[in-house]
N, C-alpha and C. Protein backbone atom coordinates (compact mmCIF):
# COMPACT_ATOMS: atom_id res chain seq x y z
N MET A 1 0.85 -1.17 0.00
CA MET A 1 0.00 0.00 0.00
C MET A 1 0.90 1.24 0.00
N LYS A 2 0.46 2.25 -0.67
CA LYS A 2 1.21 3.51 -0.74
C LYS A 2 0.63 4.50 0.26
N ALA A 3 1.39 5.57 0.52
CA ALA A 3 0.98 6.56 1.51
C ALA A 3 -0.34 7.23 1.14
N HIS A 4 -0.52 7.53 -0.15
CA HIS A 4 -1.76 8.21 -0.54
C HIS A 4 -2.98 7.29 -0.36
N THR A 5 -2.80 6.00 -0.56
CA THR A 5 -3.91 5.06 -0.36
C THR A 5 -4.25 4.94 1.13
N ALA A 6 -3.22 4.83 1.96
CA ALA A 6 -3.43 4.76 3.41
C ALA A 6 -4.09 6.05 3.90
N ASN A 7 -3.67 7.19 3.35
CA ASN A 7 -4.27 8.47 3.73
C ASN A 7 -5.73 8.53 3.31
N LEU A 8 -6.04 8.07 2.11
CA LEU A 8 -7.42 8.07 1.62
C LEU A 8 -8.31 7.21 2.51
N ILE A 9 -7.85 6.01 2.83
CA ILE A 9 -8.62 5.12 3.70
C ILE A 9 -8.82 5.76 5.07
N ASN A 10 -7.74 6.32 5.63
CA ASN A 10 -7.83 6.95 6.93
C ASN A 10 -8.82 8.12 6.92
N SER A 11 -8.75 8.95 5.89
CA SER A 11 -9.65 10.10 5.82
C SER A 11 -11.11 9.68 5.71
N LEU A 12 -11.38 8.65 4.92
CA LEU A 12 -12.77 8.18 4.79
C LEU A 12 -13.28 7.56 6.09
N VAL A 13 -12.40 6.85 6.80
CA VAL A 13 -12.78 6.27 8.09
C VAL A 13 -13.06 7.38 9.10
N LEU A 14 -12.19 8.39 9.15
CA LEU A 14 -12.40 9.49 10.09
C LEU A 14 -13.72 10.22 9.80
N ILE A 15 -14.00 10.46 8.54
CA ILE A 15 -15.24 11.14 8.17
C ILE A 15 -16.45 10.28 8.51
N GLY A 16 -16.43 9.04 8.06
CA GLY A 16 -17.60 8.17 8.27
C GLY A 16 -17.88 7.87 9.73
N LEU A 17 -16.85 7.44 10.46
CA LEU A 17 -17.07 7.09 11.86
C LEU A 17 -17.29 8.33 12.72
N GLY A 18 -16.67 9.45 12.34
CA GLY A 18 -16.91 10.70 13.07
C GLY A 18 -18.35 11.16 12.93
N LEU A 19 -18.88 11.09 11.72
CA LEU A 19 -20.30 11.46 11.52
C LEU A 19 -21.23 10.49 12.23
N TRP A 20 -20.91 9.22 12.20
CA TRP A 20 -21.71 8.21 12.90
C TRP A 20 -21.74 8.53 14.40
N GLY A 21 -20.59 8.81 14.98
CA GLY A 21 -20.52 9.15 16.40
C GLY A 21 -21.28 10.42 16.72
N TYR A 22 -21.22 11.40 15.83
CA TYR A 22 -21.93 12.67 16.05
C TYR A 22 -23.44 12.46 16.06
N TYR A 23 -23.95 11.73 15.08
CA TYR A 23 -25.40 11.55 14.99
C TYR A 23 -25.93 10.54 16.00
N GLU A 24 -25.10 9.58 16.40
CA GLU A 24 -25.56 8.57 17.36
C GLU A 24 -25.61 9.11 18.78
N ASN A 25 -24.68 10.01 19.09
CA ASN A 25 -24.60 10.51 20.46
C ASN A 25 -25.32 11.83 20.62
N THR A 26 -24.85 12.65 21.46
CA THR A 26 -25.56 13.86 21.89
C THR A 26 -25.42 15.05 20.96
N ASP A 27 -25.02 14.84 19.74
CA ASP A 27 -24.81 15.92 18.79
C ASP A 27 -23.79 16.94 19.31
N ALA A 28 -22.80 16.45 20.06
CA ALA A 28 -21.75 17.33 20.58
C ALA A 28 -20.84 17.75 19.42
N PRO A 29 -20.57 19.05 19.29
CA PRO A 29 -19.74 19.50 18.18
C PRO A 29 -18.31 18.94 18.21
N THR A 30 -17.83 18.54 19.37
CA THR A 30 -16.48 17.98 19.45
C THR A 30 -16.39 16.63 18.74
N ALA A 31 -17.51 15.97 18.54
CA ALA A 31 -17.51 14.70 17.81
C ALA A 31 -17.20 14.91 16.33
N LEU A 32 -17.27 16.15 15.89
CA LEU A 32 -16.98 16.45 14.48
C LEU A 32 -15.48 16.71 14.23
N ILE A 33 -14.66 16.73 15.27
CA ILE A 33 -13.23 16.99 15.08
C ILE A 33 -12.61 15.98 14.12
N PRO A 34 -12.85 14.65 14.29
CA PRO A 34 -12.28 13.71 13.31
C PRO A 34 -12.80 13.94 11.89
N VAL A 35 -14.02 14.42 11.77
CA VAL A 35 -14.59 14.70 10.45
C VAL A 35 -13.81 15.81 9.77
N PHE A 36 -13.52 16.89 10.51
CA PHE A 36 -12.77 18.01 9.92
C PHE A 36 -11.35 17.59 9.54
N PHE A 37 -10.71 16.81 10.40
CA PHE A 37 -9.38 16.31 10.06
C PHE A 37 -9.47 15.38 8.84
N GLY A 38 -10.50 14.55 8.78
CA GLY A 38 -10.69 13.65 7.65
C GLY A 38 -10.88 14.40 6.35
N ILE A 39 -11.63 15.49 6.38
CA ILE A 39 -11.84 16.29 5.18
C ILE A 39 -10.53 16.92 4.72
N ALA A 40 -9.75 17.45 5.68
CA ALA A 40 -8.44 18.03 5.33
C ALA A 40 -7.53 16.98 4.72
N LEU A 41 -7.53 15.78 5.28
CA LEU A 41 -6.70 14.70 4.75
C LEU A 41 -7.18 14.25 3.37
N LEU A 42 -8.49 14.24 3.19
CA LEU A 42 -9.05 13.86 1.89
C LEU A 42 -8.63 14.85 0.81
N ILE A 43 -8.63 16.13 1.15
CA ILE A 43 -8.20 17.15 0.20
C ILE A 43 -6.72 16.98 -0.15
N ALA A 44 -5.92 16.58 0.83
CA ALA A 44 -4.48 16.43 0.63
C ALA A 44 -4.10 15.19 -0.17
N THR A 45 -5.01 14.26 -0.34
CA THR A 45 -4.70 12.98 -0.98
C THR A 45 -4.13 13.15 -2.39
N LYS A 46 -4.69 14.04 -3.17
CA LYS A 46 -4.21 14.24 -4.54
C LYS A 46 -2.77 14.74 -4.52
N GLY A 47 -2.47 15.68 -3.66
CA GLY A 47 -1.10 16.20 -3.56
C GLY A 47 -0.12 15.14 -3.10
N ILE A 48 -0.56 14.28 -2.20
CA ILE A 48 0.30 13.20 -1.72
C ILE A 48 0.61 12.24 -2.86
N LYS A 49 -0.40 11.93 -3.66
CA LYS A 49 -0.21 11.02 -4.79
C LYS A 49 0.77 11.61 -5.80
N GLU A 50 0.79 12.94 -5.93
CA GLU A 50 1.68 13.61 -6.88
C GLU A 50 3.04 13.93 -6.24
N ASN A 51 3.31 13.36 -5.06
CA ASN A 51 4.58 13.55 -4.35
C ASN A 51 4.84 15.00 -3.96
N ASN A 52 3.79 15.74 -3.62
CA ASN A 52 3.94 17.11 -3.13
C ASN A 52 4.40 17.05 -1.68
N LYS A 53 5.61 17.57 -1.41
CA LYS A 53 6.19 17.46 -0.08
C LYS A 53 5.39 18.22 0.97
N ILE A 54 4.90 19.39 0.62
CA ILE A 54 4.14 20.19 1.58
C ILE A 54 2.86 19.47 1.97
N MET A 55 2.17 18.91 1.01
CA MET A 55 0.93 18.19 1.30
C MET A 55 1.21 16.94 2.13
N SER A 56 2.28 16.23 1.80
CA SER A 56 2.62 15.02 2.55
C SER A 56 2.98 15.34 3.99
N HIS A 57 3.78 16.37 4.19
CA HIS A 57 4.17 16.72 5.55
C HIS A 57 2.99 17.30 6.34
N SER A 58 2.13 18.05 5.68
CA SER A 58 0.93 18.55 6.35
C SER A 58 0.00 17.40 6.74
N ALA A 59 -0.14 16.46 5.84
CA ALA A 59 -1.03 15.32 6.11
C ALA A 59 -0.51 14.47 7.27
N ILE A 60 0.79 14.21 7.32
CA ILE A 60 1.30 13.41 8.43
C ILE A 60 1.17 14.19 9.73
N LEU A 61 1.34 15.51 9.70
CA LEU A 61 1.15 16.31 10.90
C LEU A 61 -0.29 16.20 11.40
N PHE A 62 -1.26 16.37 10.50
CA PHE A 62 -2.67 16.23 10.89
C PHE A 62 -2.97 14.83 11.40
N THR A 63 -2.39 13.83 10.75
CA THR A 63 -2.63 12.45 11.16
C THR A 63 -2.06 12.18 12.55
N ILE A 64 -0.88 12.71 12.83
CA ILE A 64 -0.28 12.53 14.15
C ILE A 64 -1.11 13.26 15.21
N ILE A 65 -1.58 14.46 14.90
CA ILE A 65 -2.40 15.21 15.85
C ILE A 65 -3.68 14.45 16.17
N ILE A 66 -4.38 13.95 15.16
CA ILE A 66 -5.64 13.25 15.42
C ILE A 66 -5.38 11.93 16.13
N PHE A 67 -4.27 11.26 15.82
CA PHE A 67 -3.92 10.02 16.50
C PHE A 67 -3.68 10.27 17.99
N ILE A 68 -2.91 11.31 18.30
CA ILE A 68 -2.65 11.64 19.71
C ILE A 68 -3.94 12.01 20.43
N ALA A 69 -4.80 12.78 19.76
CA ALA A 69 -6.07 13.17 20.37
C ALA A 69 -6.96 11.95 20.62
N LEU A 70 -7.00 11.05 19.67
CA LEU A 70 -7.84 9.85 19.83
C LEU A 70 -7.32 8.95 20.94
N VAL A 71 -6.02 8.68 20.93
CA VAL A 71 -5.44 7.75 21.91
C VAL A 71 -5.31 8.40 23.28
N GLY A 72 -4.90 9.66 23.31
CA GLY A 72 -4.64 10.31 24.59
C GLY A 72 -5.86 10.85 25.29
N MET A 73 -6.85 11.31 24.53
CA MET A 73 -8.01 11.94 25.16
C MET A 73 -9.29 11.11 25.03
N ARG A 74 -9.56 10.64 23.84
CA ARG A 74 -10.85 9.96 23.61
C ARG A 74 -10.85 8.51 24.05
N LEU A 75 -9.75 7.79 23.83
CA LEU A 75 -9.71 6.37 24.16
C LEU A 75 -9.96 6.10 25.64
N PRO A 76 -9.33 6.83 26.58
CA PRO A 76 -9.62 6.55 28.00
C PRO A 76 -11.10 6.74 28.35
N LYS A 77 -11.74 7.75 27.78
CA LYS A 77 -13.17 7.97 28.04
C LYS A 77 -14.00 6.83 27.45
N SER A 78 -13.62 6.40 26.25
CA SER A 78 -14.36 5.32 25.60
C SER A 78 -14.17 4.00 26.32
N LEU A 79 -13.00 3.78 26.89
CA LEU A 79 -12.78 2.55 27.67
C LEU A 79 -13.71 2.51 28.88
N ASP A 80 -13.91 3.66 29.51
CA ASP A 80 -14.82 3.72 30.66
C ASP A 80 -16.27 3.51 30.24
N GLN A 81 -16.65 4.08 29.10
CA GLN A 81 -18.03 4.00 28.64
C GLN A 81 -18.35 2.68 27.95
N GLY A 82 -17.37 2.12 27.25
CA GLY A 82 -17.59 0.89 26.50
C GLY A 82 -18.51 1.11 25.32
N GLY A 83 -19.07 0.04 24.82
CA GLY A 83 -20.03 0.12 23.73
C GLY A 83 -19.39 0.31 22.37
N VAL A 84 -20.22 0.71 21.42
CA VAL A 84 -19.80 0.85 20.03
C VAL A 84 -18.82 2.01 19.88
N GLY A 85 -18.93 3.03 20.72
CA GLY A 85 -18.03 4.17 20.65
C GLY A 85 -16.58 3.76 20.83
N LEU A 86 -16.36 2.76 21.67
CA LEU A 86 -15.00 2.26 21.88
C LEU A 86 -14.45 1.67 20.59
N TYR A 87 -15.25 0.91 19.89
CA TYR A 87 -14.81 0.30 18.63
C TYR A 87 -14.53 1.36 17.56
N ARG A 88 -15.36 2.41 17.54
CA ARG A 88 -15.12 3.50 16.58
C ARG A 88 -13.76 4.15 16.84
N VAL A 89 -13.47 4.42 18.11
CA VAL A 89 -12.19 5.06 18.46
C VAL A 89 -11.02 4.14 18.12
N ILE A 90 -11.16 2.85 18.38
CA ILE A 90 -10.09 1.90 18.08
C ILE A 90 -9.84 1.84 16.57
N VAL A 91 -10.90 1.81 15.78
CA VAL A 91 -10.73 1.75 14.32
C VAL A 91 -10.10 3.04 13.79
N MET A 92 -10.57 4.20 14.26
CA MET A 92 -9.99 5.46 13.81
C MET A 92 -8.52 5.57 14.21
N SER A 93 -8.20 5.14 15.43
CA SER A 93 -6.81 5.15 15.88
C SER A 93 -5.97 4.20 15.05
N GLY A 94 -6.51 3.04 14.76
CA GLY A 94 -5.78 2.04 13.98
C GLY A 94 -5.48 2.51 12.57
N THR A 95 -6.46 3.08 11.90
CA THR A 95 -6.21 3.55 10.53
C THR A 95 -5.25 4.74 10.53
N SER A 96 -5.32 5.56 11.56
CA SER A 96 -4.38 6.68 11.66
C SER A 96 -2.96 6.17 11.87
N LEU A 97 -2.79 5.17 12.71
CA LEU A 97 -1.47 4.59 12.95
C LEU A 97 -0.92 3.95 11.67
N VAL A 98 -1.75 3.23 10.96
CA VAL A 98 -1.31 2.62 9.69
C VAL A 98 -0.90 3.70 8.69
N ALA A 99 -1.66 4.79 8.62
CA ALA A 99 -1.31 5.88 7.71
C ALA A 99 0.03 6.50 8.11
N ILE A 100 0.26 6.68 9.41
CA ILE A 100 1.54 7.23 9.88
C ILE A 100 2.68 6.32 9.45
N ILE A 101 2.51 5.03 9.62
CA ILE A 101 3.55 4.07 9.24
C ILE A 101 3.86 4.17 7.75
N PHE A 102 2.84 4.25 6.91
CA PHE A 102 3.08 4.32 5.47
C PHE A 102 3.66 5.67 5.05
N PHE A 103 3.31 6.74 5.76
CA PHE A 103 3.95 8.03 5.49
C PHE A 103 5.44 7.94 5.80
N ILE A 104 5.78 7.41 6.96
CA ILE A 104 7.19 7.29 7.34
C ILE A 104 7.94 6.43 6.33
N LYS A 105 7.32 5.32 5.92
CA LYS A 105 7.95 4.45 4.93
C LYS A 105 8.18 5.20 3.62
N SER A 106 7.22 6.00 3.19
CA SER A 106 7.38 6.74 1.94
C SER A 106 8.45 7.82 2.07
N PHE A 107 8.57 8.43 3.25
CA PHE A 107 9.63 9.43 3.45
C PHE A 107 11.01 8.77 3.41
N ILE A 108 11.12 7.59 4.01
CA ILE A 108 12.39 6.85 3.99
C ILE A 108 12.74 6.45 2.57
N ASP A 109 11.76 5.94 1.83
CA ASP A 109 11.99 5.55 0.43
C ASP A 109 12.40 6.74 -0.44
N ALA A 110 11.77 7.89 -0.22
CA ALA A 110 12.12 9.09 -0.98
C ALA A 110 13.54 9.53 -0.69
N ARG A 111 13.94 9.40 0.58
CA ARG A 111 15.30 9.77 0.96
C ARG A 111 16.32 8.84 0.32
N LYS A 112 16.00 7.53 0.27
CA LYS A 112 16.90 6.56 -0.35
C LYS A 112 17.05 6.80 -1.85
N ASN A 113 15.97 7.21 -2.49
CA ASN A 113 15.99 7.43 -3.94
C ASN A 113 16.66 8.72 -4.37
N LYS A 114 17.00 9.56 -3.43
CA LYS A 114 17.65 10.84 -3.75
C LYS A 114 19.05 10.68 -4.21
């Protein structure tokens, strides 16, 4: 898998599961944070595919921020609450981690090819 594909999957998961969480729960605006990050990542996908360094570095920065927010802030709350929300957070965290790994791999490969 390439970085742009991992980013595309991650962005769609963030958008879909973020909207699901927003509509299923109390309509809290903070539930839309993954959706906004997902939209930004979705926009960056074309630039990542074209090897645009600014888009790639911006996308990994956004991905790391959302990963830290999900694991550091949302996951402990979801562990206490349990239910489907916990699975949503685990899936969003997992796809974000996979995207980070593929970004790092693509940066290493680009450095080797220089």
